[in-house]
Amino acid sequence: MKLVTAIIKPFKMDDVRLALSEIGVQGITGTEVKGFGRQRGHTELYRGAEYVVDFLPKLKLEIAVAESQVDATIDAILKSASTGKIGDGKIFVSPLEQVIRIRTGETGEEAV
């Protein structure tokens, strides 16, 4: 099993959720986060004063998937979250040692 973590632009959430449900991904955890990458934020004007916004709003999605679904999950996120502009985000894939469903006690892929 793998944990796929994706950092995306907030307005792409519905597109990503739909793309993932179409390939059979059943659960997603989303967290509102702030951060920056290469773009280093941007400059804004407020009441005549210019200031730098370093941390931009993003969404962090965490998706536990079976090994067989990893490539399809990555492809779905790439296609649905991409705008072609800087700041589209990143995808991280890490090993997931164990999953346990609290309600039933199921473990492993059955718990996902």
N, C-alpha and C. Protein backbone atom coordinates (compact mmCIF):
# COMPACT_ATOMS: atom_id res chain seq x y z
N MET A 1 0.83 -1.17 0.00
CA MET A 1 0.00 0.00 0.00
C MET A 1 0.88 1.24 0.00
N LYS A 2 0.33 2.32 -0.55
CA LYS A 2 1.05 3.59 -0.63
C LYS A 2 0.17 4.72 -0.13
N LEU A 3 0.83 5.76 0.36
CA LEU A 3 0.15 6.99 0.72
C LEU A 3 0.53 8.03 -0.32
N VAL A 4 -0.45 8.48 -1.09
CA VAL A 4 -0.23 9.50 -2.10
C VAL A 4 -0.64 10.83 -1.48
N THR A 5 0.31 11.76 -1.41
CA THR A 5 0.05 13.08 -0.86
C THR A 5 0.18 14.08 -2.00
N ALA A 6 -0.86 14.86 -2.23
CA ALA A 6 -0.84 15.84 -3.31
C ALA A 6 -1.11 17.22 -2.73
N ILE A 7 -0.29 18.19 -3.14
CA ILE A 7 -0.50 19.59 -2.78
C ILE A 7 -1.02 20.26 -4.05
N ILE A 8 -2.24 20.78 -4.00
CA ILE A 8 -2.87 21.34 -5.20
C ILE A 8 -3.45 22.72 -4.92
N LYS A 9 -3.83 23.41 -5.99
CA LYS A 9 -4.53 24.68 -5.86
C LYS A 9 -5.95 24.41 -5.37
N PRO A 10 -6.45 25.22 -4.44
CA PRO A 10 -7.76 24.94 -3.84
C PRO A 10 -8.92 24.83 -4.83
N PHE A 11 -8.92 25.63 -5.89
CA PHE A 11 -10.05 25.62 -6.82
C PHE A 11 -10.07 24.37 -7.69
N LYS A 12 -9.03 23.52 -7.63
CA LYS A 12 -8.99 22.29 -8.42
C LYS A 12 -9.53 21.09 -7.64
N MET A 13 -9.96 21.29 -6.41
CA MET A 13 -10.40 20.17 -5.56
C MET A 13 -11.53 19.37 -6.17
N ASP A 14 -12.56 20.02 -6.67
CA ASP A 14 -13.70 19.29 -7.24
C ASP A 14 -13.29 18.46 -8.44
N ASP A 15 -12.42 19.01 -9.30
CA ASP A 15 -11.94 18.26 -10.47
C ASP A 15 -11.16 17.02 -10.05
N VAL A 16 -10.28 17.19 -9.06
CA VAL A 16 -9.47 16.07 -8.57
C VAL A 16 -10.35 15.01 -7.92
N ARG A 17 -11.28 15.44 -7.08
CA ARG A 17 -12.19 14.49 -6.42
C ARG A 17 -12.98 13.67 -7.42
N LEU A 18 -13.49 14.33 -8.46
CA LEU A 18 -14.25 13.63 -9.49
C LEU A 18 -13.37 12.64 -10.25
N ALA A 19 -12.15 13.06 -10.62
CA ALA A 19 -11.23 12.18 -11.35
C ALA A 19 -10.86 10.96 -10.51
N LEU A 20 -10.65 11.15 -9.22
CA LEU A 20 -10.29 10.03 -8.35
C LEU A 20 -11.47 9.08 -8.14
N SER A 21 -12.67 9.62 -8.01
CA SER A 21 -13.83 8.74 -7.83
C SER A 21 -14.10 7.93 -9.10
N GLU A 22 -13.79 8.49 -10.27
CA GLU A 22 -13.98 7.77 -11.53
C GLU A 22 -13.06 6.56 -11.66
N ILE A 23 -11.89 6.59 -11.00
CA ILE A 23 -10.99 5.43 -11.08
C ILE A 23 -11.15 4.50 -9.88
N GLY A 24 -12.12 4.79 -9.01
CA GLY A 24 -12.43 3.88 -7.92
C GLY A 24 -11.79 4.20 -6.58
N VAL A 25 -11.15 5.36 -6.47
CA VAL A 25 -10.59 5.76 -5.17
C VAL A 25 -11.75 6.18 -4.28
N GLN A 26 -11.83 5.58 -3.09
CA GLN A 26 -12.99 5.81 -2.25
C GLN A 26 -12.80 6.82 -1.14
N GLY A 27 -11.58 7.06 -0.70
CA GLY A 27 -11.39 7.97 0.42
C GLY A 27 -10.27 8.96 0.19
N ILE A 28 -10.54 10.20 0.56
CA ILE A 28 -9.55 11.27 0.45
C ILE A 28 -9.63 12.09 1.73
N THR A 29 -8.49 12.47 2.26
CA THR A 29 -8.45 13.41 3.36
C THR A 29 -7.87 14.71 2.84
N GLY A 30 -8.56 15.82 3.07
CA GLY A 30 -8.10 17.11 2.59
C GLY A 30 -7.87 18.08 3.74
N THR A 31 -6.78 18.81 3.65
CA THR A 31 -6.44 19.79 4.67
C THR A 31 -6.08 21.10 4.00
N GLU A 32 -6.59 22.21 4.50
CA GLU A 32 -6.18 23.51 3.99
C GLU A 32 -4.82 23.84 4.57
N VAL A 33 -3.86 24.12 3.69
CA VAL A 33 -2.50 24.44 4.13
C VAL A 33 -2.03 25.70 3.42
N LYS A 34 -0.90 26.23 3.84
CA LYS A 34 -0.28 27.36 3.17
C LYS A 34 1.18 27.03 2.93
N GLY A 35 1.71 27.49 1.80
CA GLY A 35 3.10 27.22 1.50
C GLY A 35 3.53 27.93 0.23
N PHE A 36 4.77 27.69 -0.13
CA PHE A 36 5.28 28.23 -1.39
C PHE A 36 6.38 27.33 -1.90
N GLY A 37 6.60 27.41 -3.18
CA GLY A 37 7.66 26.67 -3.84
C GLY A 37 8.55 27.64 -4.57
N ARG A 38 8.79 27.35 -5.82
CA ARG A 38 9.66 28.20 -6.63
C ARG A 38 9.11 29.60 -6.84
N GLN A 39 7.78 29.74 -6.83
CA GLN A 39 7.20 31.05 -7.13
C GLN A 39 7.44 32.06 -6.01
N ARG A 40 7.77 31.59 -4.80
CA ARG A 40 8.09 32.46 -3.67
C ARG A 40 6.99 33.47 -3.36
N GLY A 41 5.73 33.08 -3.53
CA GLY A 41 4.63 33.99 -3.22
C GLY A 41 4.44 35.03 -4.31
N HIS A 42 3.76 36.11 -3.96
CA HIS A 42 3.53 37.19 -4.91
C HIS A 42 3.34 38.50 -4.15
N THR A 43 3.33 39.60 -4.90
CA THR A 43 3.18 40.93 -4.32
C THR A 43 1.74 41.41 -4.50
N GLU A 44 1.19 42.02 -3.48
CA GLU A 44 -0.17 42.57 -3.56
C GLU A 44 -0.16 44.02 -3.08
N LEU A 45 -1.18 44.75 -3.51
CA LEU A 45 -1.34 46.14 -3.10
C LEU A 45 -2.54 46.22 -2.16
N TYR A 46 -2.36 46.81 -0.98
CA TYR A 46 -3.46 46.96 -0.04
C TYR A 46 -3.41 48.37 0.53
N ARG A 47 -4.47 49.15 0.28
CA ARG A 47 -4.56 50.54 0.73
C ARG A 47 -3.33 51.35 0.36
N GLY A 48 -2.87 51.13 -0.85
CA GLY A 48 -1.75 51.90 -1.36
C GLY A 48 -0.38 51.38 -0.97
N ALA A 49 -0.33 50.41 -0.08
CA ALA A 49 0.96 49.85 0.34
C ALA A 49 1.17 48.50 -0.33
N GLU A 50 2.37 48.26 -0.79
CA GLU A 50 2.71 47.01 -1.44
C GLU A 50 3.30 46.06 -0.40
N TYR A 51 2.85 44.82 -0.41
CA TYR A 51 3.42 43.84 0.52
C TYR A 51 3.51 42.48 -0.17
N VAL A 52 4.35 41.62 0.37
CA VAL A 52 4.61 40.31 -0.23
C VAL A 52 3.82 39.26 0.53
N VAL A 53 3.10 38.43 -0.21
CA VAL A 53 2.39 37.29 0.36
C VAL A 53 3.28 36.07 0.11
N ASP A 54 3.97 35.62 1.17
CA ASP A 54 4.90 34.50 1.02
C ASP A 54 4.19 33.16 0.94
N PHE A 55 3.27 32.92 1.83
CA PHE A 55 2.60 31.63 1.90
C PHE A 55 1.26 31.70 1.19
N LEU A 56 1.12 30.89 0.15
CA LEU A 56 -0.10 30.87 -0.65
C LEU A 56 -1.01 29.73 -0.18
N PRO A 57 -2.33 29.92 -0.26
CA PRO A 57 -3.24 28.85 0.16
C PRO A 57 -3.19 27.67 -0.80
N LYS A 58 -3.14 26.49 -0.25
CA LYS A 58 -3.12 25.24 -1.03
C LYS A 58 -3.99 24.22 -0.31
N LEU A 59 -4.24 23.10 -0.97
CA LEU A 59 -4.93 21.97 -0.36
C LEU A 59 -3.97 20.79 -0.35
N LYS A 60 -3.91 20.12 0.79
CA LYS A 60 -3.10 18.91 0.90
C LYS A 60 -4.06 17.73 0.93
N LEU A 61 -3.95 16.86 -0.06
CA LEU A 61 -4.79 15.67 -0.14
C LEU A 61 -3.96 14.45 0.22
N GLU A 62 -4.51 13.60 1.06
CA GLU A 62 -3.85 12.36 1.42
C GLU A 62 -4.76 11.21 1.02
N ILE A 63 -4.20 10.29 0.22
CA ILE A 63 -4.99 9.21 -0.34
C ILE A 63 -4.24 7.91 -0.12
N ALA A 64 -4.82 6.98 0.63
CA ALA A 64 -4.24 5.66 0.83
C ALA A 64 -4.77 4.75 -0.27
N VAL A 65 -3.87 4.15 -1.04
CA VAL A 65 -4.29 3.30 -2.15
C VAL A 65 -3.49 2.00 -2.16
N ALA A 66 -4.08 1.00 -2.79
CA ALA A 66 -3.38 -0.26 -3.02
C ALA A 66 -2.26 -0.01 -4.03
N GLU A 67 -1.25 -0.84 -3.96
CA GLU A 67 -0.09 -0.72 -4.87
C GLU A 67 -0.54 -0.68 -6.33
N SER A 68 -1.57 -1.44 -6.67
CA SER A 68 -2.04 -1.53 -8.05
C SER A 68 -2.73 -0.25 -8.53
N GLN A 69 -3.14 0.63 -7.61
CA GLN A 69 -3.84 1.86 -7.97
C GLN A 69 -2.96 3.10 -8.00
N VAL A 70 -1.70 2.95 -7.64
CA VAL A 70 -0.82 4.12 -7.50
C VAL A 70 -0.69 4.89 -8.81
N ASP A 71 -0.36 4.21 -9.90
CA ASP A 71 -0.15 4.91 -11.17
C ASP A 71 -1.42 5.59 -11.66
N ALA A 72 -2.55 4.92 -11.54
CA ALA A 72 -3.82 5.51 -11.98
C ALA A 72 -4.17 6.73 -11.11
N THR A 73 -3.87 6.66 -9.83
CA THR A 73 -4.13 7.78 -8.91
C THR A 73 -3.28 8.98 -9.29
N ILE A 74 -2.00 8.74 -9.54
CA ILE A 74 -1.10 9.82 -9.93
C ILE A 74 -1.55 10.45 -11.25
N ASP A 75 -1.89 9.62 -12.23
CA ASP A 75 -2.35 10.14 -13.53
C ASP A 75 -3.61 10.98 -13.38
N ALA A 76 -4.56 10.51 -12.56
CA ALA A 76 -5.81 11.24 -12.36
C ALA A 76 -5.54 12.61 -11.73
N ILE A 77 -4.64 12.65 -10.75
CA ILE A 77 -4.31 13.92 -10.10
C ILE A 77 -3.61 14.85 -11.08
N LEU A 78 -2.63 14.31 -11.81
CA LEU A 78 -1.88 15.13 -12.77
C LEU A 78 -2.81 15.78 -13.80
N LYS A 79 -3.71 14.98 -14.36
CA LYS A 79 -4.60 15.49 -15.41
C LYS A 79 -5.62 16.49 -14.87
N SER A 80 -6.15 16.24 -13.68
CA SER A 80 -7.23 17.09 -13.17
C SER A 80 -6.74 18.32 -12.41
N ALA A 81 -5.52 18.29 -11.87
CA ALA A 81 -5.04 19.42 -11.06
C ALA A 81 -4.18 20.39 -11.85
N SER A 82 -3.78 20.01 -13.04
CA SER A 82 -2.85 20.84 -13.81
C SER A 82 -3.54 22.04 -14.46
N THR A 83 -2.92 23.21 -14.31
CA THR A 83 -3.36 24.40 -15.03
C THR A 83 -2.31 24.83 -16.04
N GLY A 84 -1.12 24.24 -15.91
CA GLY A 84 -0.02 24.62 -16.79
C GLY A 84 0.74 25.85 -16.31
N LYS A 85 0.36 26.36 -15.15
CA LYS A 85 1.01 27.56 -14.62
C LYS A 85 1.81 27.20 -13.38
N ILE A 86 2.72 28.07 -13.02
CA ILE A 86 3.55 27.85 -11.84
C ILE A 86 2.67 27.77 -10.60
N GLY A 87 3.04 26.89 -9.67
CA GLY A 87 2.27 26.74 -8.44
C GLY A 87 1.20 25.67 -8.49
N ASP A 88 1.21 24.81 -9.52
CA ASP A 88 0.22 23.75 -9.62
C ASP A 88 0.33 22.74 -8.49
N GLY A 89 1.52 22.57 -7.92
CA GLY A 89 1.66 21.70 -6.77
C GLY A 89 2.61 20.55 -6.98
N LYS A 90 2.54 19.59 -6.08
CA LYS A 90 3.43 18.43 -6.08
C LYS A 90 2.65 17.20 -5.67
N ILE A 91 3.19 16.03 -6.03
CA ILE A 91 2.66 14.75 -5.59
C ILE A 91 3.80 13.97 -4.95
N PHE A 92 3.55 13.45 -3.76
CA PHE A 92 4.52 12.63 -3.06
C PHE A 92 3.92 11.25 -2.85
N VAL A 93 4.73 10.21 -3.04
CA VAL A 93 4.28 8.84 -2.82
C VAL A 93 5.19 8.22 -1.77
N SER A 94 4.58 7.69 -0.70
CA SER A 94 5.37 7.06 0.35
C SER A 94 4.77 5.70 0.71
N PRO A 95 5.61 4.82 1.22
CA PRO A 95 5.09 3.50 1.62
C PRO A 95 4.15 3.64 2.82
N LEU A 96 3.17 2.79 2.85
CA LEU A 96 2.19 2.77 3.95
C LEU A 96 2.26 1.39 4.57
N GLU A 97 2.79 1.32 5.77
CA GLU A 97 3.04 0.02 6.38
C GLU A 97 1.78 -0.71 6.80
N GLN A 98 0.85 0.00 7.40
CA GLN A 98 -0.34 -0.67 7.87
C GLN A 98 -1.51 0.30 7.93
N VAL A 99 -2.71 -0.23 7.63
CA VAL A 99 -3.95 0.54 7.74
C VAL A 99 -4.92 -0.31 8.55
N ILE A 100 -5.60 0.33 9.49
CA ILE A 100 -6.58 -0.37 10.32
C ILE A 100 -7.87 0.44 10.33
N ARG A 101 -8.97 -0.20 9.97
CA ARG A 101 -10.28 0.45 10.06
C ARG A 101 -10.77 0.32 11.50
N ILE A 102 -10.98 1.43 12.15
CA ILE A 102 -11.32 1.43 13.56
C ILE A 102 -12.65 0.72 13.83
N ARG A 103 -13.66 0.98 13.02
CA ARG A 103 -14.99 0.42 13.27
C ARG A 103 -15.00 -1.10 13.24
N THR A 104 -14.34 -1.72 12.24
CA THR A 104 -14.42 -3.16 12.05
C THR A 104 -13.16 -3.92 12.46
N GLY A 105 -12.05 -3.22 12.58
CA GLY A 105 -10.79 -3.88 12.89
C GLY A 105 -10.10 -4.45 11.67
N GLU A 106 -10.68 -4.22 10.46
CA GLU A 106 -10.04 -4.71 9.24
C GLU A 106 -8.66 -4.10 9.10
N THR A 107 -7.75 -4.84 8.49
CA THR A 107 -6.40 -4.34 8.29
C THR A 107 -5.99 -4.47 6.84
N GLY A 108 -4.92 -3.77 6.47
CA GLY A 108 -4.38 -3.87 5.12
C GLY A 108 -5.28 -3.24 4.08
N GLU A 109 -5.24 -3.81 2.87
CA GLU A 109 -6.00 -3.24 1.75
C GLU A 109 -7.51 -3.28 1.99
N GLU A 110 -7.99 -4.24 2.78
CA GLU A 110 -9.43 -4.30 3.09
C GLU A 110 -9.88 -3.05 3.87
N ALA A 111 -8.96 -2.46 4.61
CA ALA A 111 -9.29 -1.29 5.42
C ALA A 111 -9.30 0.00 4.60
N VAL A 112 -8.67 -0.04 3.44
CA VAL A 112 -8.63 1.15 2.59
C VAL A 112 -9.95 1.28 1.90
